[in-house]
Amino acid sequence: MAYQSFEDLQVWQRSCDLTVEICQELEDCRNYTSRDQMQRAALSVPSNIAEGSERDSKGDFIRFLRIAKGSAGELRTQAYIAKRLNLISSGKADSYVKETKEIGAMLQGLIRSMQSST
């Protein structure tokens, strides 16, 4: 796994893009609880990738990647619920679900890669 910084990681870039999209989509949402929870989960993904990358150990990085993967799953659940509550369109929800699944798979691949390079 050759990279200089977390900014080089495609999974970090994509999770940042998703976070911005979700924050913009929910900007006017009056269901503050759902909005805030979705935004926090979305922010957690790239933030944990970055924090883990900046730690001094591979084990810490893997632990933070797992936290980021969990947050992607949390966000996926919230997208399903927001769709059912008509807070976001079906198309947006489906897009968020697809992207969080792909980000989760990318994180799992990165975790495996790091574990095998031990």
PDB file of N, CA and C in Angstrom:
ATOM      1  N   MET A   1       0.845  -1.171   0.000  1.00  0.00           N
ATOM      2  CA  MET A   1       0.000   0.000   0.000  1.00  0.00           C
ATOM      3  C   MET A   1       0.890   1.234   0.000  1.00  0.00           C
ATOM      4  N   ALA A   2       1.089   1.806  -1.131  1.00  0.00           N
ATOM      5  CA  ALA A   2       1.965   2.971  -1.241  1.00  0.00           C
ATOM      6  C   ALA A   2       1.125   4.240  -1.309  1.00  0.00           C
ATOM      7  N   TYR A   3       1.220   5.049  -0.269  1.00  0.00           N
ATOM      8  CA  TYR A   3       0.568   6.350  -0.271  1.00  0.00           C
ATOM      9  C   TYR A   3       1.354   7.265   0.655  1.00  0.00           C
ATOM     10  N   GLN A   4       1.300   8.536   0.394  1.00  0.00           N
ATOM     11  CA  GLN A   4       2.032   9.510   1.198  1.00  0.00           C
ATOM     12  C   GLN A   4       1.203  10.025   2.375  1.00  0.00           C
ATOM     13  N   SER A   5      -0.097  10.202   2.127  1.00  0.00           N
ATOM     14  CA  SER A   5      -0.981  10.775   3.129  1.00  0.00           C
ATOM     15  C   SER A   5      -2.404  10.286   2.892  1.00  0.00           C
ATOM     16  N   PHE A   6      -3.237  10.413   3.888  1.00  0.00           N
ATOM     17  CA  PHE A   6      -4.629   9.972   3.737  1.00  0.00           C
ATOM     18  C   PHE A   6      -5.321  10.676   2.579  1.00  0.00           C
ATOM     19  N   GLU A   7      -4.889  11.895   2.232  1.00  0.00           N
ATOM     20  CA  GLU A   7      -5.497  12.613   1.115  1.00  0.00           C
ATOM     21  C   GLU A   7      -5.311  11.876  -0.209  1.00  0.00           C
ATOM     22  N   ASP A   8      -4.333  10.996  -0.264  1.00  0.00           N
ATOM     23  CA  ASP A   8      -4.079  10.204  -1.473  1.00  0.00           C
ATOM     24  C   ASP A   8      -5.037   9.020  -1.611  1.00  0.00           C
ATOM     25  N   LEU A   9      -5.693   8.649  -0.526  1.00  0.00           N
ATOM     26  CA  LEU A   9      -6.552   7.456  -0.534  1.00  0.00           C
ATOM     27  C   LEU A   9      -7.892   7.766  -1.206  1.00  0.00           C
ATOM     28  N   GLN A  10      -8.221   6.977  -2.211  1.00  0.00           N
ATOM     29  CA  GLN A  10      -9.480   7.185  -2.937  1.00  0.00           C
ATOM     30  C   GLN A  10     -10.685   7.039  -2.004  1.00  0.00           C
ATOM     31  N   VAL A  11     -10.611   6.145  -1.042  1.00  0.00           N
ATOM     32  CA  VAL A  11     -11.731   5.941  -0.129  1.00  0.00           C
ATOM     33  C   VAL A  11     -11.947   7.199   0.732  1.00  0.00           C
ATOM     34  N   TRP A  12     -10.889   7.876   1.092  1.00  0.00           N
ATOM     35  CA  TRP A  12     -11.026   9.119   1.847  1.00  0.00           C
ATOM     36  C   TRP A  12     -11.647  10.192   0.949  1.00  0.00           C
ATOM     37  N   GLN A  13     -11.181  10.305  -0.290  1.00  0.00           N
ATOM     38  CA  GLN A  13     -11.706  11.296  -1.227  1.00  0.00           C
ATOM     39  C   GLN A  13     -13.196  11.080  -1.478  1.00  0.00           C
ATOM     40  N   ARG A  14     -13.573   9.831  -1.723  1.00  0.00           N
ATOM     41  CA  ARG A  14     -14.985   9.532  -2.001  1.00  0.00           C
ATOM     42  C   ARG A  14     -15.861   9.769  -0.781  1.00  0.00           C
ATOM     43  N   SER A  15     -15.354   9.435   0.391  1.00  0.00           N
ATOM     44  CA  SER A  15     -16.158   9.655   1.589  1.00  0.00           C
ATOM     45  C   SER A  15     -16.299  11.155   1.891  1.00  0.00           C
ATOM     46  N   CYS A  16     -15.284  11.948   1.572  1.00  0.00           N
ATOM     47  CA  CYS A  16     -15.417  13.410   1.690  1.00  0.00           C
ATOM     48  C   CYS A  16     -16.483  13.932   0.726  1.00  0.00           C
ATOM     49  N   ASP A  17     -16.447  13.452  -0.512  1.00  0.00           N
ATOM     50  CA  ASP A  17     -17.449  13.874  -1.498  1.00  0.00           C
ATOM     51  C   ASP A  17     -18.860  13.525  -1.034  1.00  0.00           C
ATOM     52  N   LEU A  18     -19.027  12.326  -0.496  1.00  0.00           N
ATOM     53  CA  LEU A  18     -20.341  11.898  -0.013  1.00  0.00           C
ATOM     54  C   LEU A  18     -20.780  12.770   1.160  1.00  0.00           C
ATOM     55  N   THR A  19     -19.864  13.087   2.047  1.00  0.00           N
ATOM     56  CA  THR A  19     -20.193  13.931   3.199  1.00  0.00           C
ATOM     57  C   THR A  19     -20.686  15.300   2.747  1.00  0.00           C
ATOM     58  N   VAL A  20     -19.992  15.902   1.811  1.00  0.00           N
ATOM     59  CA  VAL A  20     -20.400  17.216   1.302  1.00  0.00           C
ATOM     60  C   VAL A  20     -21.790  17.123   0.673  1.00  0.00           C
ATOM     61  N   GLU A  21     -22.003  16.088  -0.122  1.00  0.00           N
ATOM     62  CA  GLU A  21     -23.304  15.921  -0.777  1.00  0.00           C
ATOM     63  C   GLU A  21     -24.428  15.776   0.250  1.00  0.00           C
ATOM     64  N   ILE A  22     -24.206  14.973   1.271  1.00  0.00           N
ATOM     65  CA  ILE A  22     -25.231  14.756   2.294  1.00  0.00           C
ATOM     66  C   ILE A  22     -25.494  16.042   3.085  1.00  0.00           C
ATOM     67  N   CYS A  23     -24.441  16.742   3.455  1.00  0.00           N
ATOM     68  CA  CYS A  23     -24.619  17.998   4.192  1.00  0.00           C
ATOM     69  C   CYS A  23     -25.411  19.008   3.367  1.00  0.00           C
ATOM     70  N   GLN A  24     -25.123  19.089   2.081  1.00  0.00           N
ATOM     71  CA  GLN A  24     -25.858  20.010   1.215  1.00  0.00           C
ATOM     72  C   GLN A  24     -27.303  19.560   1.034  1.00  0.00           C
ATOM     73  N   GLU A  25     -27.510  18.265   0.855  1.00  0.00           N
ATOM     74  CA  GLU A  25     -28.864  17.735   0.656  1.00  0.00           C
ATOM     75  C   GLU A  25     -29.755  17.996   1.874  1.00  0.00           C
ATOM     76  N   LEU A  26     -29.192  17.897   3.055  1.00  0.00           N
ATOM     77  CA  LEU A  26     -29.982  18.008   4.288  1.00  0.00           C
ATOM     78  C   LEU A  26     -29.968  19.410   4.892  1.00  0.00           C
ATOM     79  N   GLU A  27     -29.365  20.340   4.197  1.00  0.00           N
ATOM     80  CA  GLU A  27     -29.195  21.695   4.728  1.00  0.00           C
ATOM     81  C   GLU A  27     -30.506  22.304   5.233  1.00  0.00           C
ATOM     82  N   ASP A  28     -31.602  22.094   4.521  1.00  0.00           N
ATOM     83  CA  ASP A  28     -32.890  22.682   4.894  1.00  0.00           C
ATOM     84  C   ASP A  28     -33.831  21.703   5.591  1.00  0.00           C
ATOM     85  N   CYS A  29     -33.336  20.535   5.948  1.00  0.00           N
ATOM     86  CA  CYS A  29     -34.175  19.523   6.603  1.00  0.00           C
ATOM     87  C   CYS A  29     -34.555  20.002   8.001  1.00  0.00           C
ATOM     88  N   ARG A  30     -35.849  19.942   8.300  1.00  0.00           N
ATOM     89  CA  ARG A  30     -36.338  20.414   9.594  1.00  0.00           C
ATOM     90  C   ARG A  30     -36.396  19.289  10.630  1.00  0.00           C
ATOM     91  N   ASN A  31     -36.137  18.077  10.199  1.00  0.00           N
ATOM     92  CA  ASN A  31     -36.024  16.972  11.161  1.00  0.00           C
ATOM     93  C   ASN A  31     -34.577  16.995  11.652  1.00  0.00           C
ATOM     94  N   TYR A  32     -34.345  17.818  12.662  1.00  0.00           N
ATOM     95  CA  TYR A  32     -32.979  18.103  13.104  1.00  0.00           C
ATOM     96  C   TYR A  32     -32.268  16.871  13.648  1.00  0.00           C
ATOM     97  N   THR A  33     -32.996  16.004  14.289  1.00  0.00           N
ATOM     98  CA  THR A  33     -32.379  14.795  14.833  1.00  0.00           C
ATOM     99  C   THR A  33     -31.825  13.924  13.716  1.00  0.00           C
ATOM    100  N   SER A  34     -32.642  13.649  12.718  1.00  0.00           N
ATOM    101  CA  SER A  34     -32.190  12.818  11.597  1.00  0.00           C
ATOM    102  C   SER A  34     -31.082  13.514  10.813  1.00  0.00           C
ATOM    103  N   ARG A  35     -31.268  14.791  10.552  1.00  0.00           N
ATOM    104  CA  ARG A  35     -30.258  15.547   9.803  1.00  0.00           C
ATOM    105  C   ARG A  35     -28.907  15.500  10.507  1.00  0.00           C
ATOM    106  N   ASP A  36     -28.908  15.822  11.798  1.00  0.00           N
ATOM    107  CA  ASP A  36     -27.649  15.863  12.539  1.00  0.00           C
ATOM    108  C   ASP A  36     -26.994  14.493  12.619  1.00  0.00           C
ATOM    109  N   GLN A  37     -27.792  13.460  12.830  1.00  0.00           N
ATOM    110  CA  GLN A  37     -27.236  12.110  12.945  1.00  0.00           C
ATOM    111  C   GLN A  37     -26.623  11.651  11.614  1.00  0.00           C
ATOM    112  N   MET A  38     -27.308  11.941  10.514  1.00  0.00           N
ATOM    113  CA  MET A  38     -26.766  11.578   9.207  1.00  0.00           C
ATOM    114  C   MET A  38     -25.483  12.350   8.910  1.00  0.00           C
ATOM    115  N   GLN A  39     -25.487  13.626   9.229  1.00  0.00           N
ATOM    116  CA  GLN A  39     -24.294  14.433   8.976  1.00  0.00           C
ATOM    117  C   GLN A  39     -23.127  13.965   9.842  1.00  0.00           C
ATOM    118  N   ARG A  40     -23.393  13.618  11.088  1.00  0.00           N
ATOM    119  CA  ARG A  40     -22.329  13.133  11.972  1.00  0.00           C
ATOM    120  C   ARG A  40     -21.763  11.804  11.492  1.00  0.00           C
ATOM    121  N   ALA A  41     -22.644  10.899  11.078  1.00  0.00           N
ATOM    122  CA  ALA A  41     -22.169   9.606  10.572  1.00  0.00           C
ATOM    123  C   ALA A  41     -21.341   9.802   9.314  1.00  0.00           C
ATOM    124  N   ALA A  42     -21.820  10.676   8.426  1.00  0.00           N
ATOM    125  CA  ALA A  42     -21.085  10.937   7.189  1.00  0.00           C
ATOM    126  C   ALA A  42     -19.711  11.541   7.497  1.00  0.00           C
ATOM    127  N   LEU A  43     -19.655  12.510   8.387  1.00  0.00           N
ATOM    128  CA  LEU A  43     -18.388  13.143   8.767  1.00  0.00           C
ATOM    129  C   LEU A  43     -17.436  12.159   9.435  1.00  0.00           C
ATOM    130  N   SER A  44     -17.989  11.185  10.106  1.00  0.00           N
ATOM    131  CA  SER A  44     -17.169  10.215  10.831  1.00  0.00           C
ATOM    132  C   SER A  44     -16.323   9.354   9.904  1.00  0.00           C
ATOM    133  N   VAL A  45     -16.817   9.068   8.713  1.00  0.00           N
ATOM    134  CA  VAL A  45     -16.096   8.164   7.806  1.00  0.00           C
ATOM    135  C   VAL A  45     -14.739   8.756   7.400  1.00  0.00           C
ATOM    136  N   PRO A  46     -14.684   9.899   6.705  1.00  0.00           N
ATOM    137  CA  PRO A  46     -13.365  10.412   6.318  1.00  0.00           C
ATOM    138  C   PRO A  46     -12.534  10.852   7.525  1.00  0.00           C
ATOM    139  N   SER A  47     -13.207  11.314   8.579  1.00  0.00           N
ATOM    140  CA  SER A  47     -12.470  11.763   9.763  1.00  0.00           C
ATOM    141  C   SER A  47     -11.722  10.613  10.419  1.00  0.00           C
ATOM    142  N   ASN A  48     -12.349   9.454  10.511  1.00  0.00           N
ATOM    143  CA  ASN A  48     -11.680   8.300  11.113  1.00  0.00           C
ATOM    144  C   ASN A  48     -10.579   7.743  10.220  1.00  0.00           C
ATOM    145  N   ILE A  49     -10.769   7.812   8.909  1.00  0.00           N
ATOM    146  CA  ILE A  49      -9.696   7.403   7.990  1.00  0.00           C
ATOM    147  C   ILE A  49      -8.480   8.299   8.224  1.00  0.00           C
ATOM    148  N   ALA A  50      -8.724   9.597   8.296  1.00  0.00           N
ATOM    149  CA  ALA A  50      -7.628  10.552   8.492  1.00  0.00           C
ATOM    150  C   ALA A  50      -6.962  10.359   9.846  1.00  0.00           C
ATOM    151  N   GLU A  51      -7.762  10.247  10.891  1.00  0.00           N
ATOM    152  CA  GLU A  51      -7.188  10.096  12.230  1.00  0.00           C
ATOM    153  C   GLU A  51      -6.354   8.825  12.346  1.00  0.00           C
ATOM    154  N   GLY A  52      -6.881   7.723  11.832  1.00  0.00           N
ATOM    155  CA  GLY A  52      -6.134   6.472  11.885  1.00  0.00           C
ATOM    156  C   GLY A  52      -4.837   6.528  11.106  1.00  0.00           C
ATOM    157  N   SER A  53      -4.881   7.192   9.964  1.00  0.00           N
ATOM    158  CA  SER A  53      -3.696   7.323   9.129  1.00  0.00           C
ATOM    159  C   SER A  53      -2.598   8.108   9.831  1.00  0.00           C
ATOM    160  N   GLU A  54      -2.989   9.053  10.635  1.00  0.00           N
ATOM    161  CA  GLU A  54      -2.027   9.910  11.323  1.00  0.00           C
ATOM    162  C   GLU A  54      -1.492   9.290  12.617  1.00  0.00           C
ATOM    163  N   ARG A  55      -2.023   8.155  13.003  1.00  0.00           N
ATOM    164  CA  ARG A  55      -1.510   7.460  14.188  1.00  0.00           C
ATOM    165  C   ARG A  55      -0.182   6.812  13.851  1.00  0.00           C
ATOM    166  N   ASP A  56       0.539   6.429  14.878  1.00  0.00           N
ATOM    167  CA  ASP A  56       1.883   5.899  14.674  1.00  0.00           C
ATOM    168  C   ASP A  56       1.944   4.393  14.505  1.00  0.00           C
ATOM    169  N   SER A  57       0.792   3.727  14.452  1.00  0.00           N
ATOM    170  CA  SER A  57       0.862   2.271  14.328  1.00  0.00           C
ATOM    171  C   SER A  57      -0.156   1.748  13.325  1.00  0.00           C
ATOM    172  N   LYS A  58       0.230   0.671  12.680  1.00  0.00           N
ATOM    173  CA  LYS A  58      -0.658   0.018  11.720  1.00  0.00           C
ATOM    174  C   LYS A  58      -1.915  -0.487  12.422  1.00  0.00           C
ATOM    175  N   GLY A  59      -1.744  -1.006  13.638  1.00  0.00           N
ATOM    176  CA  GLY A  59      -2.891  -1.506  14.401  1.00  0.00           C
ATOM    177  C   GLY A  59      -3.918  -0.419  14.673  1.00  0.00           C
ATOM    178  N   ASP A  60      -3.434   0.769  15.034  1.00  0.00           N
ATOM    179  CA  ASP A  60      -4.354   1.888  15.253  1.00  0.00           C
ATOM    180  C   ASP A  60      -5.061   2.276  13.964  1.00  0.00           C
ATOM    181  N   PHE A  61      -4.322   2.300  12.861  1.00  0.00           N
ATOM    182  CA  PHE A  61      -4.926   2.654  11.582  1.00  0.00           C
ATOM    183  C   PHE A  61      -6.033   1.660  11.237  1.00  0.00           C
ATOM    184  N   ILE A  62      -5.769   0.381  11.396  1.00  0.00           N
ATOM    185  CA  ILE A  62      -6.778  -0.644  11.107  1.00  0.00           C
ATOM    186  C   ILE A  62      -8.005  -0.453  12.002  1.00  0.00           C
ATOM    187  N   ARG A  63      -7.775  -0.160  13.271  1.00  0.00           N
ATOM    188  CA  ARG A  63      -8.894   0.051  14.204  1.00  0.00           C
ATOM    189  C   ARG A  63      -9.758   1.226  13.736  1.00  0.00           C
ATOM    190  N   PHE A  64      -9.131   2.320  13.323  1.00  0.00           N
ATOM    191  CA  PHE A  64      -9.894   3.483  12.866  1.00  0.00           C
ATOM    192  C   PHE A  64     -10.575   3.220  11.518  1.00  0.00           C
ATOM    193  N   LEU A  65      -9.973   2.400  10.671  1.00  0.00           N
ATOM    194  CA  LEU A  65     -10.643   2.013   9.425  1.00  0.00           C
ATOM    195  C   LEU A  65     -11.906   1.212   9.726  1.00  0.00           C
ATOM    196  N   ARG A  66     -11.846   0.372  10.737  1.00  0.00           N
ATOM    197  CA  ARG A  66     -13.034  -0.398  11.137  1.00  0.00           C
ATOM    198  C   ARG A  66     -14.121   0.522  11.678  1.00  0.00           C
ATOM    199  N   ILE A  67     -13.728   1.529  12.424  1.00  0.00           N
ATOM    200  CA  ILE A  67     -14.702   2.510  12.922  1.00  0.00           C
ATOM    201  C   ILE A  67     -15.342   3.242  11.742  1.00  0.00           C
ATOM    202  N   ALA A  68     -14.526   3.634  10.766  1.00  0.00           N
ATOM    203  CA  ALA A  68     -15.042   4.315   9.572  1.00  0.00           C
ATOM    204  C   ALA A  68     -16.025   3.410   8.830  1.00  0.00           C
ATOM    205  N   LYS A  69     -15.702   2.127   8.733  1.00  0.00           N
ATOM    206  CA  LYS A  69     -16.585   1.164   8.057  1.00  0.00           C
ATOM    207  C   LYS A  69     -17.913   1.055   8.806  1.00  0.00           C
ATOM    208  N   GLY A  70     -17.844   1.047  10.130  1.00  0.00           N
ATOM    209  CA  GLY A  70     -19.069   1.023  10.931  1.00  0.00           C
ATOM    210  C   GLY A  70     -19.912   2.265  10.710  1.00  0.00           C
ATOM    211  N   SER A  71     -19.260   3.402  10.610  1.00  0.00           N
ATOM    212  CA  SER A  71     -19.991   4.647  10.360  1.00  0.00           C
ATOM    213  C   SER A  71     -20.643   4.640   8.982  1.00  0.00           C
ATOM    214  N   ALA A  72     -19.996   4.017   8.007  1.00  0.00           N
ATOM    215  CA  ALA A  72     -20.603   3.896   6.670  1.00  0.00           C
ATOM    216  C   ALA A  72     -21.867   3.049   6.746  1.00  0.00           C
ATOM    217  N   GLY A  73     -21.833   1.988   7.544  1.00  0.00           N
ATOM    218  CA  GLY A  73     -23.026   1.162   7.741  1.00  0.00           C
ATOM    219  C   GLY A  73     -24.130   1.922   8.463  1.00  0.00           C
ATOM    220  N   GLU A  74     -23.737   2.712   9.445  1.00  0.00           N
ATOM    221  CA  GLU A  74     -24.699   3.551  10.163  1.00  0.00           C
ATOM    222  C   GLU A  74     -25.359   4.532   9.205  1.00  0.00           C
ATOM    223  N   LEU A  75     -24.558   5.166   8.366  1.00  0.00           N
ATOM    224  CA  LEU A  75     -25.087   6.120   7.397  1.00  0.00           C
ATOM    225  C   LEU A  75     -26.029   5.439   6.406  1.00  0.00           C
ATOM    226  N   ARG A  76     -25.682   4.229   5.993  1.00  0.00           N
ATOM    227  CA  ARG A  76     -26.547   3.493   5.074  1.00  0.00           C
ATOM    228  C   ARG A  76     -27.920   3.252   5.724  1.00  0.00           C
ATOM    229  N   THR A  77     -27.929   2.856   6.984  1.00  0.00           N
ATOM    230  CA  THR A  77     -29.188   2.644   7.703  1.00  0.00           C
ATOM    231  C   THR A  77     -29.991   3.929   7.773  1.00  0.00           C
ATOM    232  N   GLN A  78     -29.326   5.030   8.058  1.00  0.00           N
ATOM    233  CA  GLN A  78     -30.012   6.313   8.149  1.00  0.00           C
ATOM    234  C   GLN A  78     -30.588   6.748   6.803  1.00  0.00           C
ATOM    235  N   ALA A  79     -29.920   6.393   5.714  1.00  0.00           N
ATOM    236  CA  ALA A  79     -30.460   6.709   4.388  1.00  0.00           C
ATOM    237  C   ALA A  79     -31.758   5.949   4.141  1.00  0.00           C
ATOM    238  N   TYR A  80     -31.784   4.672   4.536  1.00  0.00           N
ATOM    239  CA  TYR A  80     -33.017   3.891   4.401  1.00  0.00           C
ATOM    240  C   TYR A  80     -34.150   4.538   5.204  1.00  0.00           C
ATOM    241  N   ILE A  81     -33.851   4.940   6.426  1.00  0.00           N
ATOM    242  CA  ILE A  81     -34.876   5.528   7.290  1.00  0.00           C
ATOM    243  C   ILE A  81     -35.305   6.895   6.769  1.00  0.00           C
ATOM    244  N   ALA A  82     -34.353   7.716   6.334  1.00  0.00           N
ATOM    245  CA  ALA A  82     -34.696   9.037   5.788  1.00  0.00           C
ATOM    246  C   ALA A  82     -35.599   8.913   4.566  1.00  0.00           C
ATOM    247  N   LYS A  83     -35.366   7.882   3.776  1.00  0.00           N
ATOM    248  CA  LYS A  83     -36.222   7.621   2.612  1.00  0.00           C
ATOM    249  C   LYS A  83     -37.645   7.306   3.067  1.00  0.00           C
ATOM    250  N   ARG A  84     -37.770   6.451   4.069  1.00  0.00           N
ATOM    251  CA  ARG A  84     -39.096   6.066   4.569  1.00  0.00           C
ATOM    252  C   ARG A  84     -39.825   7.238   5.221  1.00  0.00           C
ATOM    253  N   LEU A  85     -39.046   8.178   5.791  1.00  0.00           N
ATOM    254  CA  LEU A  85     -39.641   9.362   6.404  1.00  0.00           C
ATOM    255  C   LEU A  85     -39.853  10.494   5.397  1.00  0.00           C
ATOM    256  N   ASN A  86     -39.514  10.236   4.125  1.00  0.00           N
ATOM    257  CA  ASN A  86     -39.619  11.234   3.063  1.00  0.00           C
ATOM    258  C   ASN A  86     -38.773  12.480   3.330  1.00  0.00           C
ATOM    259  N   LEU A  87     -37.624  12.278   3.990  1.00  0.00           N
ATOM    260  CA  LEU A  87     -36.694  13.377   4.214  1.00  0.00           C
ATOM    261  C   LEU A  87     -35.782  13.572   3.014  1.00  0.00           C
ATOM    262  N   ILE A  88     -35.544  12.481   2.290  1.00  0.00           N
ATOM    263  CA  ILE A  88     -34.775  12.533   1.050  1.00  0.00           C
ATOM    264  C   ILE A  88     -35.509  11.699   0.007  1.00  0.00           C
ATOM    265  N   SER A  89     -35.243  11.995  -1.241  1.00  0.00           N
ATOM    266  CA  SER A  89     -35.911  11.269  -2.321  1.00  0.00           C
ATOM    267  C   SER A  89     -35.418   9.827  -2.380  1.00  0.00           C
ATOM    268  N   SER A  90     -36.205   9.009  -2.998  1.00  0.00           N
ATOM    269  CA  SER A  90     -35.836   7.617  -3.186  1.00  0.00           C
ATOM    270  C   SER A  90     -34.538   7.490  -3.977  1.00  0.00           C
ATOM    271  N   GLY A  91     -34.402   8.322  -4.995  1.00  0.00           N
ATOM    272  CA  GLY A  91     -33.193   8.301  -5.817  1.00  0.00           C
ATOM    273  C   GLY A  91     -31.949   8.668  -5.031  1.00  0.00           C
ATOM    274  N   LYS A  92     -32.059   9.708  -4.188  1.00  0.00           N
ATOM    275  CA  LYS A  92     -30.921  10.115  -3.348  1.00  0.00           C
ATOM    276  C   LYS A  92     -30.583   9.009  -2.358  1.00  0.00           C
ATOM    277  N   ALA A  93     -31.590   8.448  -1.726  1.00  0.00           N
ATOM    278  CA  ALA A  93     -31.354   7.385  -0.752  1.00  0.00           C
ATOM    279  C   ALA A  93     -30.653   6.206  -1.411  1.00  0.00           C
ATOM    280  N   ASP A  94     -31.137   5.813  -2.582  1.00  0.00           N
ATOM    281  CA  ASP A  94     -30.520   4.689  -3.294  1.00  0.00           C
ATOM    282  C   ASP A  94     -29.068   4.997  -3.654  1.00  0.00           C
ATOM    283  N   SER A  95     -28.802   6.239  -4.035  1.00  0.00           N
ATOM    284  CA  SER A  95     -27.444   6.651  -4.358  1.00  0.00           C
ATOM    285  C   SER A  95     -26.543   6.588  -3.121  1.00  0.00           C
ATOM    286  N   TYR A  96     -27.054   7.043  -1.974  1.00  0.00           N
ATOM    287  CA  TYR A  96     -26.273   7.004  -0.736  1.00  0.00           C
ATOM    288  C   TYR A  96     -26.026   5.569  -0.296  1.00  0.00           C
ATOM    289  N   VAL A  97     -27.032   4.728  -0.435  1.00  0.00           N
ATOM    290  CA  VAL A  97     -26.868   3.313  -0.072  1.00  0.00           C
ATOM    291  C   VAL A  97     -25.786   2.677  -0.936  1.00  0.00           C
ATOM    292  N   LYS A  98     -25.855   2.903  -2.233  1.00  0.00           N
ATOM    293  CA  LYS A  98     -24.859   2.335  -3.151  1.00  0.00           C
ATOM    294  C   LYS A  98     -23.455   2.826  -2.803  1.00  0.00           C
ATOM    295  N   GLU A  99     -23.318   4.123  -2.575  1.00  0.00           N
ATOM    296  CA  GLU A  99     -21.994   4.684  -2.285  1.00  0.00           C
ATOM    297  C   GLU A  99     -21.454   4.194  -0.943  1.00  0.00           C
ATOM    298  N   THR A 100     -22.308   4.093   0.064  1.00  0.00           N
ATOM    299  CA  THR A 100     -21.818   3.608   1.359  1.00  0.00           C
ATOM    300  C   THR A 100     -21.415   2.137   1.284  1.00  0.00           C
ATOM    301  N   LYS A 101     -22.104   1.360   0.463  1.00  0.00           N
ATOM    302  CA  LYS A 101     -21.690  -0.036   0.270  1.00  0.00           C
ATOM    303  C   LYS A 101     -20.314  -0.101  -0.400  1.00  0.00           C
ATOM    304  N   GLU A 102     -20.112   0.736  -1.405  1.00  0.00           N
ATOM    305  CA  GLU A 102     -18.824   0.741  -2.107  1.00  0.00           C
ATOM    306  C   GLU A 102     -17.701   1.242  -1.197  1.00  0.00           C
ATOM    307  N   ILE A 103     -17.972   2.271  -0.426  1.00  0.00           N
ATOM    308  CA  ILE A 103     -16.975   2.784   0.517  1.00  0.00           C
ATOM    309  C   ILE A 103     -16.651   1.722   1.559  1.00  0.00           C
ATOM    310  N   GLY A 104     -17.662   1.036   2.058  1.00  0.00           N
ATOM    311  CA  GLY A 104     -17.435  -0.043   3.021  1.00  0.00           C
ATOM    312  C   GLY A 104     -16.568  -1.146   2.446  1.00  0.00           C
ATOM    313  N   ALA A 105     -16.818  -1.499   1.198  1.00  0.00           N
ATOM    314  CA  ALA A 105     -16.004  -2.529   0.533  1.00  0.00           C
ATOM    315  C   ALA A 105     -14.567  -2.053   0.346  1.00  0.00           C
ATOM    316  N   MET A 106     -14.411  -0.786  -0.003  1.00  0.00           N
ATOM    317  CA  MET A 106     -13.060  -0.225  -0.155  1.00  0.00           C
ATOM    318  C   MET A 106     -12.317  -0.245   1.181  1.00  0.00           C
ATOM    319  N   LEU A 107     -13.018   0.112   2.244  1.00  0.00           N
ATOM    320  CA  LEU A 107     -12.399   0.083   3.568  1.00  0.00           C
ATOM    321  C   LEU A 107     -12.004  -1.329   3.960  1.00  0.00           C
ATOM    322  N   GLN A 108     -12.880  -2.290   3.673  1.00  0.00           N
ATOM    323  CA  GLN A 108     -12.558  -3.685   3.988  1.00  0.00           C
ATOM    324  C   GLN A 108     -11.338  -4.142   3.202  1.00  0.00           C
ATOM    325  N   GLY A 109     -11.247  -3.757   1.946  1.00  0.00           N
ATOM    326  CA  GLY A 109     -10.086  -4.105   1.138  1.00  0.00           C
ATOM    327  C   GLY A 109      -8.807  -3.492   1.684  1.00  0.00           C
ATOM    328  N   LEU A 110      -8.891  -2.252   2.147  1.00  0.00           N
ATOM    329  CA  LEU A 110      -7.729  -1.589   2.737  1.00  0.00           C
ATOM    330  C   LEU A 110      -7.319  -2.279   4.038  1.00  0.00           C
ATOM    331  N   ILE A 111      -8.285  -2.655   4.834  1.00  0.00           N
ATOM    332  CA  ILE A 111      -8.010  -3.374   6.084  1.00  0.00           C
ATOM    333  C   ILE A 111      -7.291  -4.685   5.773  1.00  0.00           C
ATOM    334  N   ARG A 112      -7.832  -5.451   4.825  1.00  0.00           N
ATOM    335  CA  ARG A 112      -7.198  -6.736   4.453  1.00  0.00           C
ATOM    336  C   ARG A 112      -5.781  -6.528   3.953  1.00  0.00           C
ATOM    337  N   SER A 113      -5.600  -5.505   3.130  1.00  0.00           N
ATOM    338  CA  SER A 113      -4.289  -5.202   2.580  1.00  0.00           C
ATOM    339  C   SER A 113      -3.292  -4.892   3.697  1.00  0.00           C
ATOM    340  N   MET A 114      -3.733  -4.115   4.653  1.00  0.00           N
ATOM    341  CA  MET A 114      -2.848  -3.755   5.760  1.00  0.00           C
ATOM    342  C   MET A 114      -2.553  -4.959   6.653  1.00  0.00           C
ATOM    343  N   GLN A 115      -3.541  -5.802   6.860  1.00  0.00           N
ATOM    344  CA  GLN A 115      -3.340  -6.991   7.694  1.00  0.00           C
ATOM    345  C   GLN A 115      -2.370  -7.967   7.041  1.00  0.00           C
ATOM    346  N   SER A 116      -2.446  -8.101   5.723  1.00  0.00           N
ATOM    347  CA  SER A 116      -1.590  -9.059   5.030  1.00  0.00           C
ATOM    348  C   SER A 116      -0.151  -8.560   4.896  1.00  0.00           C
ATOM    349  N   SER A 117       0.059  -7.271   5.095  1.00  0.00           N
ATOM    350  CA  SER A 117       1.415  -6.739   4.980  1.00  0.00           C
ATOM    351  C   SER A 117       2.135  -6.730   6.315  1.00  0.00           C
ATOM    352  N   THR A 118       1.604  -7.452   7.265  1.00  0.00           N
ATOM    353  CA  THR A 118       2.201  -7.513   8.599  1.00  0.00           C
ATOM    354  C   THR A 118       3.464  -8.334   8.596  1.00  0.00           C
TER     355      THR A 118
END
